[in-house]
PDB file of N, CA and C in Angstrom:
ATOM      1  N   MET A   1     -12.059  16.352   0.610  1.00  0.00           N
ATOM      2  CA  MET A   1     -11.567  14.693   0.442  1.00  0.00           C
ATOM      3  C   MET A   1     -12.498  14.852  -0.490  1.00  0.00           C
ATOM      4  N   LYS A   2     -10.929  14.564  -1.641  1.00  0.00           N
ATOM      5  CA  LYS A   2     -11.694  14.169  -3.596  1.00  0.00           C
ATOM      6  C   LYS A   2     -12.237  12.407  -3.561  1.00  0.00           C
ATOM      7  N   ILE A   3     -12.862  12.959  -4.628  1.00  0.00           N
ATOM      8  CA  ILE A   3     -14.650  12.346  -5.317  1.00  0.00           C
ATOM      9  C   ILE A   3     -12.942  10.706  -5.415  1.00  0.00           C
ATOM     10  N   GLY A   4     -12.298  10.426  -6.201  1.00  0.00           N
ATOM     11  CA  GLY A   4     -11.725   9.307  -6.063  1.00  0.00           C
ATOM     12  C   GLY A   4     -11.185   9.097  -4.702  1.00  0.00           C
ATOM     13  N   GLU A   5     -10.850   9.362  -3.313  1.00  0.00           N
ATOM     14  CA  GLU A   5     -10.963   8.545  -2.324  1.00  0.00           C
ATOM     15  C   GLU A   5     -11.851   8.371  -2.260  1.00  0.00           C
ATOM     16  N   LYS A   6     -13.008   9.594  -2.193  1.00  0.00           N
ATOM     17  CA  LYS A   6     -14.194   8.148  -1.787  1.00  0.00           C
ATOM     18  C   LYS A   6     -14.774   7.269  -2.326  1.00  0.00           C
ATOM     19  N   ILE A   7     -14.164   7.193  -3.239  1.00  0.00           N
ATOM     20  CA  ILE A   7     -14.215   6.110  -4.029  1.00  0.00           C
ATOM     21  C   ILE A   7     -12.994   4.659  -4.226  1.00  0.00           C
ATOM     22  N   GLU A   8     -12.397   4.768  -3.177  1.00  0.00           N
ATOM     23  CA  GLU A   8     -12.224   3.480  -2.205  1.00  0.00           C
ATOM     24  C   GLU A   8     -12.196   3.594  -1.854  1.00  0.00           C
ATOM     25  N   LYS A   9     -12.436   4.521  -1.009  1.00  0.00           N
ATOM     26  CA  LYS A   9     -12.956   3.810   1.083  1.00  0.00           C
ATOM     27  C   LYS A   9     -14.984   3.651   0.584  1.00  0.00           C
ATOM     28  N   ILE A  10     -14.955   3.667  -0.161  1.00  0.00           N
ATOM     29  CA  ILE A  10     -16.807   2.433  -0.525  1.00  0.00           C
ATOM     30  C   ILE A  10     -16.556   1.040  -0.519  1.00  0.00           C
ATOM     31  N   LYS A  11     -14.842   1.420  -1.284  1.00  0.00           N
ATOM     32  CA  LYS A  11     -14.560  -0.364  -1.836  1.00  0.00           C
ATOM     33  C   LYS A  11     -14.507  -0.881  -1.112  1.00  0.00           C
ATOM     34  N   ARG A  12     -13.210  -0.627  -0.299  1.00  0.00           N
ATOM     35  CA  ARG A  12     -13.424  -0.120   1.581  1.00  0.00           C
ATOM     36  C   ARG A  12     -14.013  -1.116   1.917  1.00  0.00           C
ATOM     37  N   TYR A  13     -14.996  -0.386   2.311  1.00  0.00           N
ATOM     38  CA  TYR A  13     -16.691  -0.934   3.284  1.00  0.00           C
ATOM     39  C   TYR A  13     -17.502  -1.730   2.177  1.00  0.00           C
ATOM     40  N   LYS A  14     -17.403  -2.361   1.236  1.00  0.00           N
ATOM     41  CA  LYS A  14     -17.997  -3.349   0.132  1.00  0.00           C
ATOM     42  C   LYS A  14     -17.504  -4.275   0.572  1.00  0.00           C
ATOM     43  N   ASP A  15     -16.450  -3.591   0.859  1.00  0.00           N
ATOM     44  CA  ASP A  15     -14.493  -5.660   1.131  1.00  0.00           C
ATOM     45  C   ASP A  15     -15.305  -6.133   2.192  1.00  0.00           C
ATOM     46  N   ILE A  16     -15.193  -5.619   3.248  1.00  0.00           N
ATOM     47  CA  ILE A  16     -15.936  -5.178   4.738  1.00  0.00           C
ATOM     48  C   ILE A  16     -16.203  -6.335   5.203  1.00  0.00           C
ATOM     49  N   SER A  17     -17.706  -5.142   4.472  1.00  0.00           N
ATOM     50  CA  SER A  17     -18.282  -6.275   4.137  1.00  0.00           C
ATOM     51  C   SER A  17     -18.800  -7.474   3.773  1.00  0.00           C
ATOM     52  N   ILE A  18     -18.308  -7.965   2.784  1.00  0.00           N
ATOM     53  CA  ILE A  18     -18.602  -9.221   1.771  1.00  0.00           C
ATOM     54  C   ILE A  18     -17.532 -10.458   2.804  1.00  0.00           C
ATOM     55  N   LEU A  19     -16.665  -9.392   3.953  1.00  0.00           N
ATOM     56  CA  LEU A  19     -15.741 -10.261   4.851  1.00  0.00           C
ATOM     57  C   LEU A  19     -16.302 -10.600   5.379  1.00  0.00           C
ATOM     58  N   LEU A  20     -17.399  -9.994   6.545  1.00  0.00           N
ATOM     59  CA  LEU A  20     -18.258  -9.913   7.380  1.00  0.00           C
ATOM     60  C   LEU A  20     -19.788 -10.762   7.462  1.00  0.00           C
ATOM     61  N   ILE A  21     -20.275 -10.681   5.834  1.00  0.00           N
ATOM     62  CA  ILE A  21     -21.248 -11.438   5.708  1.00  0.00           C
ATOM     63  C   ILE A  21     -21.210 -13.077   5.695  1.00  0.00           C
ATOM     64  N   LYS A  22     -19.324 -13.481   4.883  1.00  0.00           N
ATOM     65  CA  LYS A  22     -19.331 -14.086   4.800  1.00  0.00           C
ATOM     66  C   LYS A  22     -19.334 -15.747   5.357  1.00  0.00           C
ATOM     67  N   TYR A  23     -18.673 -14.758   7.166  1.00  0.00           N
ATOM     68  CA  TYR A  23     -18.483 -15.230   7.149  1.00  0.00           C
ATOM     69  C   TYR A  23     -19.647 -15.498   9.207  1.00  0.00           C
ATOM     70  N   GLY A  24     -20.217 -15.164   8.272  1.00  0.00           N
ATOM     71  CA  GLY A  24     -21.729 -15.704  10.097  1.00  0.00           C
ATOM     72  C   GLY A  24     -22.206 -13.901  10.177  1.00  0.00           C
ATOM     73  N   ARG A  25     -21.680 -12.571   9.975  1.00  0.00           N
ATOM     74  CA  ARG A  25     -21.976 -11.613  10.840  1.00  0.00           C
ATOM     75  C   ARG A  25     -22.365 -10.928  10.383  1.00  0.00           C
ATOM     76  N   SER A  26     -23.772 -11.661   9.627  1.00  0.00           N
ATOM     77  CA  SER A  26     -24.184 -10.316   9.050  1.00  0.00           C
ATOM     78  C   SER A  26     -24.742  -8.646  10.250  1.00  0.00           C
ATOM     79  N   ASP A  27     -24.899  -9.549  10.790  1.00  0.00           N
ATOM     80  CA  ASP A  27     -26.054  -8.708  12.199  1.00  0.00           C
ATOM     81  C   ASP A  27     -24.300  -7.045  12.227  1.00  0.00           C
ATOM     82  N   LEU A  28     -23.185  -7.625  12.159  1.00  0.00           N
ATOM     83  CA  LEU A  28     -21.938  -6.703  12.212  1.00  0.00           C
ATOM     84  C   LEU A  28     -22.300  -5.326  11.785  1.00  0.00           C
ATOM     85  N   VAL A  29     -22.238  -5.826  10.198  1.00  0.00           N
ATOM     86  CA  VAL A  29     -22.602  -4.820   8.984  1.00  0.00           C
ATOM     87  C   VAL A  29     -23.840  -4.047   9.493  1.00  0.00           C
ATOM     88  N   GLN A  30     -24.821  -4.607   9.891  1.00  0.00           N
ATOM     89  CA  GLN A  30     -25.956  -3.476   9.185  1.00  0.00           C
ATOM     90  C   GLN A  30     -25.589  -2.710  11.262  1.00  0.00           C
ATOM     91  N   GLN A  31     -25.446  -2.600  11.895  1.00  0.00           N
ATOM     92  CA  GLN A  31     -24.817  -2.156  13.069  1.00  0.00           C
ATOM     93  C   GLN A  31     -23.494  -0.989  12.975  1.00  0.00           C
ATOM     94  N   ALA A  32     -22.723  -1.192  12.079  1.00  0.00           N
ATOM     95  CA  ALA A  32     -22.410  -0.738  11.674  1.00  0.00           C
ATOM     96  C   ALA A  32     -22.558   0.254  10.514  1.00  0.00           C
ATOM     97  N   GLY A  33     -23.462   0.201  10.209  1.00  0.00           N
ATOM     98  CA  GLY A  33     -24.910   1.122   8.719  1.00  0.00           C
ATOM     99  C   GLY A  33     -24.047   0.535   7.130  1.00  0.00           C
ATOM    100  N   LEU A  34     -23.722  -0.243   7.433  1.00  0.00           N
ATOM    101  CA  LEU A  34     -22.704  -0.835   6.405  1.00  0.00           C
ATOM    102  C   LEU A  34     -23.568  -1.871   5.429  1.00  0.00           C
ATOM    103  N   SER A  35     -24.646  -1.183   5.306  1.00  0.00           N
ATOM    104  CA  SER A  35     -25.724  -2.078   5.210  1.00  0.00           C
ATOM    105  C   SER A  35     -26.249  -1.927   3.293  1.00  0.00           C
ATOM    106  N   ASP A  36     -25.159  -0.430   2.691  1.00  0.00           N
ATOM    107  CA  ASP A  36     -25.509  -0.188   1.670  1.00  0.00           C
ATOM    108  C   ASP A  36     -24.704  -0.082   1.328  1.00  0.00           C
ATOM    109  N   PHE A  37     -23.476  -0.809   1.121  1.00  0.00           N
ATOM    110  CA  PHE A  37     -21.787  -1.663   0.654  1.00  0.00           C
ATOM    111  C   PHE A  37     -22.376  -2.887   0.979  1.00  0.00           C
ATOM    112  N   ALA A  38     -22.689  -3.185   1.529  1.00  0.00           N
ATOM    113  CA  ALA A  38     -23.391  -4.429   1.448  1.00  0.00           C
ATOM    114  C   ALA A  38     -23.286  -5.025  -0.021  1.00  0.00           C
ATOM    115  N   PRO A  39     -23.039  -6.732  -0.727  1.00  0.00           N
ATOM    116  CA  PRO A  39     -23.671  -7.467  -1.297  1.00  0.00           C
ATOM    117  C   PRO A  39     -25.002  -7.926  -1.398  1.00  0.00           C
ATOM    118  N   SER A  40     -25.987  -8.174  -2.323  1.00  0.00           N
ATOM    119  CA  SER A  40     -26.970  -8.808  -2.713  1.00  0.00           C
ATOM    120  C   SER A  40     -26.560 -10.437  -2.376  1.00  0.00           C
ATOM    121  N   ASP A  41     -27.359 -10.925  -1.780  1.00  0.00           N
ATOM    122  CA  ASP A  41     -27.331 -11.614  -1.375  1.00  0.00           C
ATOM    123  C   ASP A  41     -26.779 -13.282  -2.008  1.00  0.00           C
ATOM    124  N   GLY A  42     -27.277 -13.165  -2.930  1.00  0.00           N
ATOM    125  CA  GLY A  42     -26.728 -13.520  -4.050  1.00  0.00           C
ATOM    126  C   GLY A  42     -24.940 -14.003  -3.829  1.00  0.00           C
ATOM    127  N   GLU A  43     -24.756 -13.153  -3.784  1.00  0.00           N
ATOM    128  CA  GLU A  43     -23.116 -12.894  -4.234  1.00  0.00           C
ATOM    129  C   GLU A  43     -22.078 -13.644  -3.037  1.00  0.00           C
ATOM    130  N   VAL A  44     -22.090 -14.221  -2.056  1.00  0.00           N
ATOM    131  CA  VAL A  44     -22.118 -15.189  -1.369  1.00  0.00           C
ATOM    132  C   VAL A  44     -23.212 -16.203  -0.796  1.00  0.00           C
ATOM    133  N   THR A  45     -21.916 -16.747  -0.818  1.00  0.00           N
ATOM    134  CA  THR A  45     -22.574 -18.451  -0.131  1.00  0.00           C
ATOM    135  C   THR A  45     -22.337 -18.963   1.488  1.00  0.00           C
ATOM    136  N   SER A  46     -22.874 -19.277   1.787  1.00  0.00           N
ATOM    137  CA  SER A  46     -22.014 -20.249   3.160  1.00  0.00           C
ATOM    138  C   SER A  46     -21.655 -21.541   3.056  1.00  0.00           C
ATOM    139  N   GLU A  47     -22.076 -22.033   2.161  1.00  0.00           N
ATOM    140  CA  GLU A  47     -20.357 -23.476   1.882  1.00  0.00           C
ATOM    141  C   GLU A  47     -19.096 -22.706   2.083  1.00  0.00           C
ATOM    142  N   GLU A  48     -18.887 -21.357   0.836  1.00  0.00           N
ATOM    143  CA  GLU A  48     -17.083 -20.894   0.978  1.00  0.00           C
ATOM    144  C   GLU A  48     -17.474 -20.330   2.164  1.00  0.00           C
ATOM    145  N   SER A  49     -17.785 -20.043   3.075  1.00  0.00           N
ATOM    146  CA  SER A  49     -18.004 -19.469   4.959  1.00  0.00           C
ATOM    147  C   SER A  49     -16.738 -20.517   5.784  1.00  0.00           C
ATOM    148  N   GLU A  50     -17.404 -22.148   5.197  1.00  0.00           N
ATOM    149  CA  GLU A  50     -16.609 -22.771   5.587  1.00  0.00           C
ATOM    150  C   GLU A  50     -15.163 -23.180   5.701  1.00  0.00           C
ATOM    151  N   LYS A  51     -14.457 -22.404   5.207  1.00  0.00           N
ATOM    152  CA  LYS A  51     -13.229 -22.440   4.301  1.00  0.00           C
ATOM    153  C   LYS A  51     -12.023 -21.854   5.501  1.00  0.00           C
ATOM    154  N   ALA A  52     -11.341 -22.251   6.337  1.00  0.00           N
ATOM    155  CA  ALA A  52     -11.113 -22.087   6.927  1.00  0.00           C
ATOM    156  C   ALA A  52      -9.596 -20.886   6.536  1.00  0.00           C
ATOM    157  N   ASP A  53      -8.834 -21.928   5.593  1.00  0.00           N
ATOM    158  CA  ASP A  53      -8.689 -21.649   4.615  1.00  0.00           C
ATOM    159  C   ASP A  53      -8.773 -20.337   3.877  1.00  0.00           C
ATOM    160  N   GLU A  54      -9.751 -20.271   3.035  1.00  0.00           N
ATOM    161  CA  GLU A  54      -9.888 -18.990   2.220  1.00  0.00           C
ATOM    162  C   GLU A  54     -10.353 -18.163   2.983  1.00  0.00           C
ATOM    163  N   PHE A  55     -10.496 -17.731   4.900  1.00  0.00           N
ATOM    164  CA  PHE A  55     -11.067 -16.670   5.698  1.00  0.00           C
ATOM    165  C   PHE A  55      -9.203 -16.107   5.305  1.00  0.00           C
ATOM    166  N   ALA A  56      -8.351 -17.218   5.459  1.00  0.00           N
ATOM    167  CA  ALA A  56      -7.158 -16.230   6.161  1.00  0.00           C
ATOM    168  C   ALA A  56      -6.210 -16.405   4.109  1.00  0.00           C
ATOM    169  N   THR A  57      -7.160 -16.409   3.539  1.00  0.00           N
ATOM    170  CA  THR A  57      -6.910 -15.764   2.024  1.00  0.00           C
ATOM    171  C   THR A  57      -7.503 -14.916   1.921  1.00  0.00           C
ATOM    172  N   ASP A  58      -8.613 -14.026   3.069  1.00  0.00           N
ATOM    173  CA  ASP A  58     -10.007 -13.265   2.393  1.00  0.00           C
ATOM    174  C   ASP A  58      -9.116 -12.066   3.607  1.00  0.00           C
ATOM    175  N   LEU A  59      -8.499 -12.666   4.279  1.00  0.00           N
ATOM    176  CA  LEU A  59      -8.043 -11.360   5.336  1.00  0.00           C
ATOM    177  C   LEU A  59      -6.394 -10.727   4.319  1.00  0.00           C
ATOM    178  N   GLU A  60      -5.542 -12.334   4.010  1.00  0.00           N
ATOM    179  CA  GLU A  60      -4.994 -11.294   2.680  1.00  0.00           C
ATOM    180  C   GLU A  60      -4.363 -10.406   1.781  1.00  0.00           C
ATOM    181  N   ASN A  61      -5.524 -10.438   1.551  1.00  0.00           N
ATOM    182  CA  ASN A  61      -6.174  -9.555   0.678  1.00  0.00           C
ATOM    183  C   ASN A  61      -7.288  -8.272   1.210  1.00  0.00           C
ATOM    184  N   LEU A  62      -7.453  -8.312   2.614  1.00  0.00           N
ATOM    185  CA  LEU A  62      -8.255  -6.878   2.794  1.00  0.00           C
ATOM    186  C   LEU A  62      -6.657  -6.681   3.437  1.00  0.00           C
ATOM    187  N   GLY A  63      -5.914  -6.687   2.783  1.00  0.00           N
ATOM    188  CA  GLY A  63      -3.830  -6.175   3.383  1.00  0.00           C
ATOM    189  C   GLY A  63      -3.719  -5.856   4.612  1.00  0.00           C
ATOM    190  N   ALA A  64      -2.305  -5.471   5.054  1.00  0.00           N
ATOM    191  CA  ALA A  64      -1.505  -6.085   6.541  1.00  0.00           C
ATOM    192  C   ALA A  64      -2.196  -5.153   7.662  1.00  0.00           C
ATOM    193  N   THR A  65      -3.471  -4.342   8.287  1.00  0.00           N
ATOM    194  CA  THR A  65      -3.785  -4.504   8.816  1.00  0.00           C
ATOM    195  C   THR A  65      -5.155  -5.539   9.467  1.00  0.00           C
ATOM    196  N   PHE A  66      -5.808  -5.685   8.089  1.00  0.00           N
ATOM    197  CA  PHE A  66      -6.577  -7.325   8.092  1.00  0.00           C
ATOM    198  C   PHE A  66      -5.881  -8.781   8.494  1.00  0.00           C
ATOM    199  N   ILE A  67      -4.231  -8.528   8.596  1.00  0.00           N
ATOM    200  CA  ILE A  67      -3.505  -9.524   8.384  1.00  0.00           C
ATOM    201  C   ILE A  67      -2.022  -9.879   9.733  1.00  0.00           C
ATOM    202  N   LYS A  68      -2.790  -8.430  10.024  1.00  0.00           N
ATOM    203  CA  LYS A  68      -1.999  -8.463  11.953  1.00  0.00           C
ATOM    204  C   LYS A  68      -4.270  -8.737  12.127  1.00  0.00           C
ATOM    205  N   LEU A  69      -4.871  -8.603  11.936  1.00  0.00           N
ATOM    206  CA  LEU A  69      -5.971  -8.707  13.063  1.00  0.00           C
ATOM    207  C   LEU A  69      -5.883 -10.624  13.533  1.00  0.00           C
ATOM    208  N   GLY A  70      -5.983 -10.985  11.665  1.00  0.00           N
ATOM    209  CA  GLY A  70      -5.777 -12.382  11.790  1.00  0.00           C
ATOM    210  C   GLY A  70      -4.938 -13.467  12.211  1.00  0.00           C
ATOM    211  N   GLN A  71      -3.218 -12.401  12.645  1.00  0.00           N
ATOM    212  CA  GLN A  71      -3.180 -13.191  13.931  1.00  0.00           C
ATOM    213  C   GLN A  71      -3.561 -13.027  15.041  1.00  0.00           C
ATOM    214  N   LEU A  72      -4.065 -11.683  15.908  1.00  0.00           N
ATOM    215  CA  LEU A  72      -4.611 -12.210  17.033  1.00  0.00           C
ATOM    216  C   LEU A  72      -5.359 -12.416  17.161  1.00  0.00           C
ATOM    217  N   LEU A  73      -6.377 -13.309  15.662  1.00  0.00           N
ATOM    218  CA  LEU A  73      -7.247 -13.886  16.134  1.00  0.00           C
ATOM    219  C   LEU A  73      -7.252 -14.808  16.017  1.00  0.00           C
ATOM    220  N   SER A  74      -5.851 -15.131  15.938  1.00  0.00           N
ATOM    221  CA  SER A  74      -5.329 -16.551  15.575  1.00  0.00           C
ATOM    222  C   SER A  74      -4.456 -17.378  17.188  1.00  0.00           C
ATOM    223  N   THR A  75      -4.536 -16.445  18.299  1.00  0.00           N
ATOM    224  CA  THR A  75      -4.231 -16.913  19.505  1.00  0.00           C
ATOM    225  C   THR A  75      -6.194 -17.159  20.889  1.00  0.00           C
ATOM    226  N   ARG A  76      -7.192 -16.736  19.311  1.00  0.00           N
ATOM    227  CA  ARG A  76      -8.361 -17.010  20.735  1.00  0.00           C
ATOM    228  C   ARG A  76      -8.785 -18.470  20.642  1.00  0.00           C
ATOM    229  N   ALA A  77      -8.514 -18.759  21.404  1.00  0.00           N
ATOM    230  CA  ALA A  77      -8.961 -20.351  21.008  1.00  0.00           C
ATOM    231  C   ALA A  77     -11.035 -20.469  21.167  1.00  0.00           C
ATOM    232  N   ASP A  78     -10.610 -19.717  22.347  1.00  0.00           N
ATOM    233  CA  ASP A  78     -11.927 -19.645  22.466  1.00  0.00           C
ATOM    234  C   ASP A  78     -13.140 -18.672  20.910  1.00  0.00           C
ATOM    235  N   LEU A  79     -12.963 -17.887  20.762  1.00  0.00           N
ATOM    236  CA  LEU A  79     -13.211 -16.828  19.835  1.00  0.00           C
ATOM    237  C   LEU A  79     -13.841 -18.650  18.201  1.00  0.00           C
ATOM    238  N   PHE A  80     -12.877 -19.065  17.805  1.00  0.00           N
ATOM    239  CA  PHE A  80     -13.253 -19.667  17.012  1.00  0.00           C
ATOM    240  C   PHE A  80     -12.384 -21.854  16.813  1.00  0.00           C
ATOM    241  N   PRO A  81     -12.965 -21.670  16.289  1.00  0.00           N
ATOM    242  CA  PRO A  81     -12.196 -23.094  15.758  1.00  0.00           C
ATOM    243  C   PRO A  81     -11.583 -23.792  15.641  1.00  0.00           C
ATOM    244  N   GLN A  82     -10.971 -24.873  15.640  1.00  0.00           N
ATOM    245  CA  GLN A  82      -9.631 -25.201  15.822  1.00  0.00           C
ATOM    246  C   GLN A  82      -8.357 -24.982  13.945  1.00  0.00           C
ATOM    247  N   GLN A  83      -9.699 -25.910  13.862  1.00  0.00           N
ATOM    248  CA  GLN A  83      -9.074 -25.392  12.110  1.00  0.00           C
ATOM    249  C   GLN A  83      -8.873 -24.198  11.697  1.00  0.00           C
ATOM    250  N   TYR A  84      -9.380 -22.531  12.208  1.00  0.00           N
ATOM    251  CA  TYR A  84      -9.012 -21.304  11.394  1.00  0.00           C
ATOM    252  C   TYR A  84      -8.001 -21.366  12.855  1.00  0.00           C
ATOM    253  N   LEU A  85      -7.917 -21.423  13.235  1.00  0.00           N
ATOM    254  CA  LEU A  85      -6.377 -21.638  14.834  1.00  0.00           C
ATOM    255  C   LEU A  85      -5.211 -21.444  13.895  1.00  0.00           C
TER     256      LEU A  85
END
């Protein structure tokens, strides 16, 4: 694996860590061993995490796989509040 590929993977891990922390799942970041890639506490605020539209935008920014994940999650009324569906 080339250094450029490793850097891209680290950036991707950071992006996923930010998403999880932003929406209250920092426990998953720790369980996955991504704590080294996670931003400091000051980079993500809890006020931002209350916007359902922002959640959809964040998933879109992460790419096609996360768009599909969002579509799948939108069918799970047992997991998410109505505004997220």
